[in-house]
Amino acid sequence: MSSKQGLLSFIESAKKGKLIIFCVGNEMRGDDGIGSMIYNRLRSQFGTDLLLYNVGGSLENYLSVLTKKNVTHCLIVDAVEFGDNEIPAGTVGFFKPSDLENKQVTFSTHLIPMRVLVDYMKKISGVVIRILGVQPKTLEFGAEMSFEALNAIEKIINLLVPLLQESSTNPHEKKQLMN
């Protein structure tokens, strides 16, 4: 299944429950700021109608939100090193947590592996988790975001916004999906 089809299927499934989006990253480290930029774009588009958090490099500080908000689906947006030097910068991937075992995930300043956090998230909440990742070009401190990452952000926004805006035939489902 392609990244686009996987994301479409996940968002459709989330319409039966409640979706949260955690945007991870550090804007001071080049392409690691992908999550923060996507957060800014989605927040400007949806305001507070979307359950959306810019968690910086500390996703672990936001885990209680999963249970407090009765979330059923969680999308984590981050820079992800796909583990293959052949993958070009700016490539977008959509992953199940189990897909990350062989991938280096740019993540927390506390260096908690993504797999450990995802396992904990599932344990405390039972939430369905997926990761939307972009292959970074540079993660150097003080670097500017690459052209490839900026293009990937546009692709993601152009895909996510219509999916999140689609009106459901059941108004209750749309309310649950959003906030």
N, C-alpha and C. Protein backbone atom coordinates (compact mmCIF):
# COMPACT_ATOMS: atom_id res chain seq x y z
N MET A 1 0.86 -1.18 0.00
CA MET A 1 0.00 0.00 0.00
C MET A 1 0.90 1.24 0.00
N SER A 2 0.59 2.20 -0.83
CA SER A 2 1.38 3.42 -0.90
C SER A 2 1.16 4.28 0.33
N SER A 3 2.07 5.25 0.53
CA SER A 3 1.92 6.17 1.66
C SER A 3 0.60 6.91 1.58
N LYS A 4 0.25 7.33 0.37
CA LYS A 4 -0.99 8.08 0.18
C LYS A 4 -2.20 7.21 0.52
N GLN A 5 -2.22 5.97 0.03
CA GLN A 5 -3.34 5.07 0.30
C GLN A 5 -3.40 4.70 1.79
N GLY A 6 -2.23 4.49 2.40
CA GLY A 6 -2.19 4.17 3.81
C GLY A 6 -2.74 5.29 4.66
N LEU A 7 -2.35 6.52 4.33
CA LEU A 7 -2.84 7.67 5.08
C LEU A 7 -4.34 7.85 4.88
N LEU A 8 -4.80 7.70 3.65
CA LEU A 8 -6.23 7.81 3.35
C LEU A 8 -7.02 6.80 4.17
N SER A 9 -6.57 5.56 4.18
CA SER A 9 -7.24 4.50 4.92
C SER A 9 -7.25 4.80 6.43
N PHE A 10 -6.13 5.28 6.94
CA PHE A 10 -6.03 5.61 8.37
C PHE A 10 -7.00 6.74 8.74
N ILE A 11 -7.04 7.81 7.95
CA ILE A 11 -7.94 8.93 8.25
C ILE A 11 -9.40 8.48 8.16
N GLU A 12 -9.72 7.65 7.17
CA GLU A 12 -11.08 7.12 7.06
C GLU A 12 -11.45 6.32 8.31
N SER A 13 -10.53 5.50 8.76
CA SER A 13 -10.74 4.71 9.97
C SER A 13 -10.92 5.61 11.20
N ALA A 14 -10.15 6.70 11.24
CA ALA A 14 -10.21 7.63 12.37
C ALA A 14 -11.56 8.33 12.46
N LYS A 15 -12.29 8.40 11.35
CA LYS A 15 -13.60 9.05 11.37
C LYS A 15 -14.60 8.32 12.25
N LYS A 16 -14.29 7.05 12.56
CA LYS A 16 -15.17 6.28 13.43
C LYS A 16 -14.83 6.52 14.90
N GLY A 17 -13.79 7.28 15.15
CA GLY A 17 -13.35 7.54 16.52
C GLY A 17 -12.90 8.98 16.68
N LYS A 18 -11.72 9.15 17.29
CA LYS A 18 -11.20 10.49 17.55
C LYS A 18 -9.71 10.50 17.25
N LEU A 19 -9.30 11.44 16.41
CA LEU A 19 -7.92 11.55 15.93
C LEU A 19 -7.16 12.64 16.67
N ILE A 20 -5.91 12.33 17.01
CA ILE A 20 -4.98 13.34 17.51
C ILE A 20 -3.75 13.31 16.61
N ILE A 21 -3.16 14.48 16.38
CA ILE A 21 -1.94 14.57 15.59
C ILE A 21 -0.86 15.19 16.45
N PHE A 22 0.24 14.45 16.63
CA PHE A 22 1.41 14.96 17.34
C PHE A 22 2.47 15.29 16.30
N CYS A 23 2.89 16.55 16.25
CA CYS A 23 3.94 17.00 15.34
C CYS A 23 5.23 17.13 16.13
N VAL A 24 6.24 16.34 15.75
CA VAL A 24 7.49 16.23 16.49
C VAL A 24 8.60 16.92 15.71
N GLY A 25 9.49 17.61 16.42
CA GLY A 25 10.66 18.14 15.74
C GLY A 25 11.21 19.41 16.36
N ASN A 26 12.40 19.75 15.89
CA ASN A 26 13.13 20.92 16.37
C ASN A 26 13.51 21.79 15.18
N GLU A 27 12.91 22.96 15.08
CA GLU A 27 13.16 23.86 13.95
C GLU A 27 14.60 24.35 13.87
N MET A 28 15.35 24.18 14.94
CA MET A 28 16.75 24.63 14.96
C MET A 28 17.69 23.61 14.31
N ARG A 29 17.15 22.45 13.92
CA ARG A 29 17.97 21.38 13.37
C ARG A 29 17.56 21.02 11.95
N GLY A 30 17.55 21.98 11.06
CA GLY A 30 17.27 21.71 9.65
C GLY A 30 15.95 21.02 9.42
N ASP A 31 16.01 19.86 8.76
CA ASP A 31 14.79 19.14 8.39
C ASP A 31 14.06 18.52 9.58
N ASP A 32 14.67 18.52 10.75
CA ASP A 32 13.98 18.02 11.93
C ASP A 32 12.77 18.90 12.27
N GLY A 33 12.70 20.09 11.71
CA GLY A 33 11.58 21.00 11.94
C GLY A 33 10.35 20.70 11.11
N ILE A 34 10.36 19.61 10.37
CA ILE A 34 9.22 19.25 9.51
C ILE A 34 7.93 19.19 10.31
N GLY A 35 7.94 18.50 11.45
CA GLY A 35 6.73 18.38 12.26
C GLY A 35 6.20 19.72 12.71
N SER A 36 7.09 20.61 13.14
CA SER A 36 6.67 21.94 13.59
C SER A 36 6.05 22.75 12.46
N MET A 37 6.64 22.65 11.28
CA MET A 37 6.09 23.41 10.14
C MET A 37 4.71 22.88 9.74
N ILE A 38 4.55 21.58 9.77
CA ILE A 38 3.24 21.00 9.44
C ILE A 38 2.22 21.40 10.51
N TYR A 39 2.63 21.40 11.76
CA TYR A 39 1.75 21.88 12.83
C TYR A 39 1.26 23.30 12.53
N ASN A 40 2.19 24.20 12.22
CA ASN A 40 1.82 25.60 11.95
C ASN A 40 0.83 25.71 10.80
N ARG A 41 1.05 24.95 9.75
CA ARG A 41 0.16 25.00 8.59
C ARG A 41 -1.23 24.46 8.94
N LEU A 42 -1.27 23.33 9.65
CA LEU A 42 -2.57 22.75 10.01
C LEU A 42 -3.30 23.63 11.02
N ARG A 43 -2.58 24.19 11.97
CA ARG A 43 -3.22 25.06 12.97
C ARG A 43 -3.82 26.28 12.29
N SER A 44 -3.10 26.86 11.32
CA SER A 44 -3.65 28.04 10.63
C SER A 44 -4.88 27.67 9.79
N GLN A 45 -4.93 26.46 9.31
CA GLN A 45 -6.06 26.00 8.49
C GLN A 45 -7.27 25.63 9.34
N PHE A 46 -7.05 24.96 10.48
CA PHE A 46 -8.15 24.41 11.26
C PHE A 46 -8.40 25.10 12.59
N GLY A 47 -7.50 25.99 13.00
CA GLY A 47 -7.67 26.62 14.31
C GLY A 47 -7.68 25.58 15.40
N THR A 48 -8.61 25.71 16.32
CA THR A 48 -8.68 24.75 17.43
C THR A 48 -9.65 23.60 17.16
N ASP A 49 -10.16 23.49 15.93
CA ASP A 49 -11.09 22.41 15.60
C ASP A 49 -10.41 21.05 15.50
N LEU A 50 -9.10 21.04 15.38
CA LEU A 50 -8.35 19.81 15.22
C LEU A 50 -7.54 19.54 16.48
N LEU A 51 -7.56 18.32 16.96
CA LEU A 51 -6.77 17.93 18.13
C LEU A 51 -5.33 17.74 17.65
N LEU A 52 -4.54 18.80 17.82
CA LEU A 52 -3.23 18.93 17.18
C LEU A 52 -2.25 19.51 18.19
N TYR A 53 -1.07 18.88 18.32
CA TYR A 53 -0.07 19.34 19.27
C TYR A 53 1.29 19.43 18.61
N ASN A 54 1.99 20.54 18.88
CA ASN A 54 3.38 20.70 18.48
C ASN A 54 4.19 20.31 19.71
N VAL A 55 4.75 19.09 19.70
CA VAL A 55 5.39 18.56 20.90
C VAL A 55 6.89 18.80 20.94
N GLY A 56 7.43 19.50 19.93
CA GLY A 56 8.86 19.73 19.90
C GLY A 56 9.59 18.41 19.90
N GLY A 57 10.58 18.27 20.76
CA GLY A 57 11.32 17.02 20.86
C GLY A 57 10.90 16.17 22.04
N SER A 58 9.74 16.46 22.62
CA SER A 58 9.36 15.78 23.86
C SER A 58 7.95 15.20 23.81
N LEU A 59 7.74 14.29 22.92
CA LEU A 59 6.43 13.63 22.80
C LEU A 59 6.00 13.02 24.13
N GLU A 60 6.96 12.52 24.88
CA GLU A 60 6.64 11.86 26.15
C GLU A 60 5.90 12.78 27.12
N ASN A 61 6.04 14.09 26.97
CA ASN A 61 5.36 15.03 27.86
C ASN A 61 3.87 15.20 27.53
N TYR A 62 3.42 14.63 26.43
CA TYR A 62 2.03 14.82 25.98
C TYR A 62 1.21 13.53 26.00
N LEU A 63 1.76 12.46 26.50
CA LEU A 63 1.08 11.17 26.41
C LEU A 63 -0.22 11.10 27.20
N SER A 64 -0.35 11.86 28.27
CA SER A 64 -1.58 11.82 29.06
C SER A 64 -2.78 12.33 28.27
N VAL A 65 -2.53 13.11 27.23
CA VAL A 65 -3.61 13.64 26.39
C VAL A 65 -4.39 12.50 25.73
N LEU A 66 -3.70 11.40 25.43
CA LEU A 66 -4.36 10.27 24.77
C LEU A 66 -5.54 9.74 25.57
N THR A 67 -5.37 9.62 26.86
CA THR A 67 -6.45 9.11 27.70
C THR A 67 -7.43 10.20 28.12
N LYS A 68 -6.92 11.40 28.37
CA LYS A 68 -7.81 12.50 28.79
C LYS A 68 -8.80 12.88 27.70
N LYS A 69 -8.40 12.77 26.44
CA LYS A 69 -9.26 13.18 25.33
C LYS A 69 -9.97 12.00 24.66
N ASN A 70 -9.83 10.80 25.23
CA ASN A 70 -10.46 9.60 24.67
C ASN A 70 -10.14 9.39 23.20
N VAL A 71 -8.88 9.49 22.87
CA VAL A 71 -8.41 9.36 21.50
C VAL A 71 -8.42 7.90 21.07
N THR A 72 -8.78 7.64 19.81
CA THR A 72 -8.75 6.28 19.25
C THR A 72 -7.64 6.12 18.21
N HIS A 73 -7.24 7.23 17.58
CA HIS A 73 -6.23 7.20 16.51
C HIS A 73 -5.22 8.32 16.73
N CYS A 74 -3.94 8.00 16.52
CA CYS A 74 -2.87 8.98 16.72
C CYS A 74 -1.95 8.97 15.50
N LEU A 75 -1.75 10.13 14.92
CA LEU A 75 -0.81 10.31 13.81
C LEU A 75 0.37 11.11 14.34
N ILE A 76 1.57 10.54 14.21
CA ILE A 76 2.80 11.21 14.61
C ILE A 76 3.51 11.67 13.35
N VAL A 77 3.81 12.96 13.27
CA VAL A 77 4.49 13.53 12.10
C VAL A 77 5.90 13.91 12.51
N ASP A 78 6.90 13.40 11.78
CA ASP A 78 8.29 13.62 12.18
C ASP A 78 9.22 13.40 10.99
N ALA A 79 10.45 13.83 11.15
CA ALA A 79 11.52 13.47 10.22
C ALA A 79 11.95 12.06 10.58
N VAL A 80 12.03 11.19 9.58
CA VAL A 80 12.37 9.79 9.81
C VAL A 80 13.47 9.38 8.85
N GLU A 81 14.57 8.91 9.40
CA GLU A 81 15.62 8.35 8.54
C GLU A 81 15.16 6.95 8.19
N PHE A 82 14.92 6.69 6.92
CA PHE A 82 14.34 5.43 6.48
C PHE A 82 15.31 4.26 6.58
N GLY A 83 16.56 4.52 6.93
CA GLY A 83 17.52 3.44 7.10
C GLY A 83 18.13 2.93 5.82
N ASP A 84 17.95 3.65 4.74
CA ASP A 84 18.50 3.24 3.45
C ASP A 84 19.08 4.48 2.79
N ASN A 85 20.37 4.47 2.55
CA ASN A 85 21.04 5.64 1.95
C ASN A 85 20.55 5.93 0.54
N GLU A 86 19.85 4.99 -0.06
CA GLU A 86 19.33 5.17 -1.42
C GLU A 86 18.04 6.00 -1.46
N ILE A 87 17.38 6.16 -0.31
CA ILE A 87 16.12 6.90 -0.26
C ILE A 87 16.42 8.39 -0.34
N PRO A 88 15.88 9.09 -1.33
CA PRO A 88 16.18 10.52 -1.46
C PRO A 88 15.53 11.37 -0.36
N ALA A 89 16.21 12.43 0.01
CA ALA A 89 15.66 13.40 0.96
C ALA A 89 14.32 13.89 0.44
N GLY A 90 13.38 14.09 1.36
CA GLY A 90 12.06 14.58 0.99
C GLY A 90 11.06 13.48 0.71
N THR A 91 11.51 12.22 0.69
CA THR A 91 10.59 11.10 0.48
C THR A 91 9.66 11.01 1.68
N VAL A 92 8.37 10.85 1.41
CA VAL A 92 7.36 10.74 2.46
C VAL A 92 7.01 9.28 2.65
N GLY A 93 6.96 8.84 3.90
CA GLY A 93 6.57 7.47 4.22
C GLY A 93 5.50 7.45 5.28
N PHE A 94 4.69 6.42 5.23
CA PHE A 94 3.62 6.23 6.20
C PHE A 94 3.85 4.86 6.84
N PHE A 95 4.03 4.83 8.15
CA PHE A 95 4.49 3.62 8.81
C PHE A 95 3.57 3.18 9.94
N LYS A 96 3.49 1.87 10.11
CA LYS A 96 2.96 1.29 11.34
C LYS A 96 4.13 1.28 12.31
N PRO A 97 3.86 1.29 13.61
CA PRO A 97 4.98 1.26 14.57
C PRO A 97 5.92 0.08 14.34
N SER A 98 5.39 -1.07 13.96
CA SER A 98 6.24 -2.24 13.75
C SER A 98 7.20 -2.06 12.57
N ASP A 99 6.90 -1.14 11.66
CA ASP A 99 7.78 -0.87 10.52
C ASP A 99 9.05 -0.14 10.94
N LEU A 100 9.07 0.41 12.13
CA LEU A 100 10.18 1.26 12.55
C LEU A 100 11.37 0.51 13.14
N GLU A 101 11.25 -0.78 13.30
CA GLU A 101 12.31 -1.53 13.95
C GLU A 101 13.66 -1.36 13.29
N ASN A 102 13.70 -1.21 11.97
CA ASN A 102 14.97 -1.07 11.26
C ASN A 102 15.20 0.35 10.77
N LYS A 103 14.45 1.30 11.33
CA LYS A 103 14.57 2.68 10.87
C LYS A 103 15.07 3.57 12.02
N GLN A 104 15.92 4.51 11.68
CA GLN A 104 16.42 5.49 12.65
C GLN A 104 15.42 6.65 12.65
N VAL A 105 14.76 6.88 13.75
CA VAL A 105 13.76 7.93 13.83
C VAL A 105 14.34 9.14 14.55
N THR A 106 14.32 10.28 13.88
CA THR A 106 14.74 11.52 14.51
C THR A 106 13.68 11.84 15.54
N PHE A 107 14.09 11.90 16.79
CA PHE A 107 13.06 12.02 17.79
C PHE A 107 13.47 12.90 18.94
N SER A 108 13.23 12.48 20.13
CA SER A 108 13.31 13.30 21.33
C SER A 108 14.73 13.70 21.71
N THR A 109 14.83 14.86 22.31
CA THR A 109 16.11 15.29 22.88
C THR A 109 16.51 14.39 24.04
N HIS A 110 15.54 13.64 24.58
CA HIS A 110 15.82 12.70 25.67
C HIS A 110 16.26 11.35 25.14
N LEU A 111 16.27 11.18 23.84
CA LEU A 111 16.73 9.98 23.17
C LEU A 111 15.96 8.72 23.56
N ILE A 112 14.68 8.87 23.86
CA ILE A 112 13.84 7.70 24.09
C ILE A 112 13.47 7.16 22.71
N PRO A 113 13.77 5.90 22.45
CA PRO A 113 13.46 5.36 21.12
C PRO A 113 11.96 5.44 20.82
N MET A 114 11.65 5.75 19.58
CA MET A 114 10.26 5.86 19.14
C MET A 114 9.50 4.58 19.47
N ARG A 115 10.11 3.44 19.24
CA ARG A 115 9.45 2.16 19.48
C ARG A 115 9.01 2.03 20.95
N VAL A 116 9.84 2.46 21.89
CA VAL A 116 9.51 2.38 23.31
C VAL A 116 8.32 3.29 23.62
N LEU A 117 8.33 4.50 23.11
CA LEU A 117 7.22 5.43 23.36
C LEU A 117 5.92 4.93 22.73
N VAL A 118 6.01 4.43 21.51
CA VAL A 118 4.81 3.95 20.83
C VAL A 118 4.23 2.76 21.58
N ASP A 119 5.07 1.85 22.03
CA ASP A 119 4.58 0.71 22.81
C ASP A 119 3.89 1.18 24.08
N TYR A 120 4.47 2.17 24.73
CA TYR A 120 3.87 2.72 25.95
C TYR A 120 2.53 3.40 25.63
N MET A 121 2.49 4.16 24.54
CA MET A 121 1.26 4.84 24.14
C MET A 121 0.13 3.83 23.92
N LYS A 122 0.44 2.74 23.24
CA LYS A 122 -0.57 1.70 22.99
C LYS A 122 -1.01 1.05 24.29
N LYS A 123 -0.06 0.84 25.20
CA LYS A 123 -0.37 0.19 26.47
C LYS A 123 -1.31 1.04 27.33
N ILE A 124 -1.07 2.35 27.39
CA ILE A 124 -1.90 3.20 28.26
C ILE A 124 -3.23 3.59 27.64
N SER A 125 -3.33 3.49 26.31
CA SER A 125 -4.54 4.02 25.67
C SER A 125 -5.22 3.07 24.69
N GLY A 126 -4.52 2.09 24.16
CA GLY A 126 -5.09 1.22 23.14
C GLY A 126 -5.27 1.91 21.80
N VAL A 127 -4.70 3.07 21.64
CA VAL A 127 -4.86 3.89 20.43
C VAL A 127 -4.17 3.25 19.22
N VAL A 128 -4.74 3.45 18.03
CA VAL A 128 -4.13 3.02 16.77
C VAL A 128 -3.14 4.11 16.38
N ILE A 129 -1.87 3.75 16.21
CA ILE A 129 -0.82 4.73 15.96
C ILE A 129 -0.20 4.51 14.59
N ARG A 130 0.01 5.61 13.89
CA ARG A 130 0.74 5.59 12.62
C ARG A 130 1.71 6.76 12.62
N ILE A 131 2.77 6.61 11.84
CA ILE A 131 3.81 7.64 11.74
C ILE A 131 3.88 8.11 10.29
N LEU A 132 3.79 9.42 10.11
CA LEU A 132 3.97 10.04 8.80
C LEU A 132 5.35 10.69 8.84
N GLY A 133 6.27 10.12 8.08
CA GLY A 133 7.66 10.57 8.17
C GLY A 133 8.19 11.09 6.86
N VAL A 134 9.17 11.97 6.97
CA VAL A 134 9.86 12.52 5.81
C VAL A 134 11.35 12.26 5.97
N GLN A 135 11.96 11.70 4.93
CA GLN A 135 13.40 11.46 4.94
C GLN A 135 14.11 12.82 4.95
N PRO A 136 14.89 13.10 6.00
CA PRO A 136 15.58 14.39 6.07
C PRO A 136 16.85 14.42 5.21
N LYS A 137 17.23 15.62 4.83
CA LYS A 137 18.51 15.81 4.14
C LYS A 137 19.58 16.21 5.15
N THR A 138 19.20 17.10 6.06
CA THR A 138 20.14 17.54 7.09
C THR A 138 19.44 17.71 8.42
N LEU A 139 20.15 17.33 9.48
CA LEU A 139 19.65 17.49 10.84
C LEU A 139 20.62 18.29 11.68
N GLU A 140 21.52 18.99 11.01
CA GLU A 140 22.54 19.76 11.71
C GLU A 140 21.93 20.96 12.43
N PHE A 141 22.44 21.20 13.62
CA PHE A 141 21.99 22.34 14.40
C PHE A 141 22.32 23.63 13.64
N GLY A 142 21.35 24.52 13.52
CA GLY A 142 21.54 25.80 12.84
C GLY A 142 21.33 25.74 11.33
N ALA A 143 21.14 24.55 10.79
CA ALA A 143 20.93 24.42 9.33
C ALA A 143 19.52 24.88 8.97
N GLU A 144 19.38 25.38 7.76
CA GLU A 144 18.06 25.73 7.25
C GLU A 144 17.39 24.48 6.72
N MET A 145 16.06 24.52 6.66
CA MET A 145 15.34 23.39 6.12
C MET A 145 15.64 23.26 4.63
N SER A 146 15.82 22.03 4.18
CA SER A 146 16.17 21.77 2.79
C SER A 146 14.98 22.00 1.85
N PHE A 147 15.30 22.22 0.60
CA PHE A 147 14.29 22.36 -0.44
C PHE A 147 13.43 21.10 -0.52
N GLU A 148 14.08 19.94 -0.37
CA GLU A 148 13.36 18.66 -0.44
C GLU A 148 12.35 18.53 0.69
N ALA A 149 12.73 18.95 1.89
CA ALA A 149 11.80 18.89 3.03
C ALA A 149 10.64 19.86 2.83
N LEU A 150 10.92 21.03 2.34
CA LEU A 150 9.85 22.01 2.08
C LEU A 150 8.85 21.48 1.06
N ASN A 151 9.36 20.82 0.02
CA ASN A 151 8.46 20.20 -0.97
C ASN A 151 7.62 19.09 -0.35
N ALA A 152 8.23 18.30 0.52
CA ALA A 152 7.50 17.23 1.19
C ALA A 152 6.39 17.80 2.07
N ILE A 153 6.66 18.89 2.75
CA ILE A 153 5.65 19.54 3.58
C ILE A 153 4.45 19.95 2.73
N GLU A 154 4.71 20.52 1.57
CA GLU A 154 3.61 20.91 0.67
C GLU A 154 2.79 19.71 0.25
N LYS A 155 3.46 18.61 -0.09
CA LYS A 155 2.75 17.39 -0.48
C LYS A 155 1.86 16.89 0.65
N ILE A 156 2.41 16.89 1.86
CA ILE A 156 1.66 16.41 3.02
C ILE A 156 0.46 17.30 3.30
N ILE A 157 0.66 18.60 3.29
CA ILE A 157 -0.45 19.53 3.53
C ILE A 157 -1.52 19.38 2.47
N ASN A 158 -1.10 19.28 1.21
CA ASN A 158 -2.07 19.14 0.11
C ASN A 158 -2.85 17.83 0.19
N LEU A 159 -2.30 16.84 0.84
CA LEU A 159 -3.00 15.58 1.03
C LEU A 159 -3.85 15.60 2.30
N LEU A 160 -3.28 16.07 3.41
CA LEU A 160 -3.97 16.03 4.70
C LEU A 160 -5.17 16.97 4.79
N VAL A 161 -5.01 18.19 4.34
CA VAL A 161 -6.08 19.18 4.52
C VAL A 161 -7.41 18.71 3.92
N PRO A 162 -7.44 18.27 2.66
CA PRO A 162 -8.74 17.81 2.14
C PRO A 162 -9.28 16.59 2.88
N LEU A 163 -8.40 15.68 3.30
CA LEU A 163 -8.86 14.51 4.05
C LEU A 163 -9.50 14.92 5.37
N LEU A 164 -8.91 15.88 6.04
CA LEU A 164 -9.42 16.32 7.33
C LEU A 164 -10.65 17.22 7.18
N GLN A 165 -10.77 17.86 6.03
CA GLN A 165 -11.91 18.75 5.79
C GLN A 165 -13.15 18.02 5.32
N GLU A 166 -12.96 16.84 4.73
CA GLU A 166 -14.10 16.12 4.17
C GLU A 166 -15.22 16.03 5.20
N SER A 167 -16.37 16.43 4.75
CA SER A 167 -17.50 16.36 5.68
C SER A 167 -18.05 14.95 5.68
N SER A 168 -18.33 14.47 6.84
CA SER A 168 -18.88 13.14 7.02
C SER A 168 -20.39 13.20 6.81
N THR A 169 -20.99 12.08 6.45
CA THR A 169 -22.45 12.03 6.33
C THR A 169 -23.09 12.04 7.71
N ASN A 170 -22.31 11.68 8.72
CA ASN A 170 -22.80 11.69 10.10
C ASN A 170 -22.09 12.82 10.85
N PRO A 171 -22.79 13.89 11.22
CA PRO A 171 -22.15 15.01 11.89
C PRO A 171 -21.43 14.59 13.18
N HIS A 172 -21.94 13.58 13.88
CA HIS A 172 -21.28 13.11 15.10
C HIS A 172 -19.89 12.56 14.78
N GLU A 173 -19.76 11.83 13.66
CA GLU A 173 -18.46 11.28 13.26
C GLU A 173 -17.46 12.40 13.01
N LYS A 174 -17.89 13.47 12.33
CA LYS A 174 -16.96 14.56 12.04
C LYS A 174 -16.53 15.23 13.35
N LYS A 175 -17.47 15.44 14.25
CA LYS A 175 -17.12 16.06 15.52
C LYS A 175 -16.09 15.21 16.26
N GLN A 176 -16.28 13.90 16.27
CA GLN A 176 -15.35 13.01 16.95
C GLN A 176 -13.98 13.06 16.29
N LEU A 177 -13.92 13.05 14.98
CA LEU A 177 -12.64 13.08 14.27
C LEU A 177 -11.87 14.34 14.60
N MET A 178 -12.55 15.45 14.61
CA MET A 178 -11.87 16.72 14.79
C MET A 178 -11.55 17.01 16.25
N ASN A 179 -12.49 17.30 17.08
CA ASN A 179 -12.16 17.69 18.45
C ASN A 179 -13.28 17.40 19.40
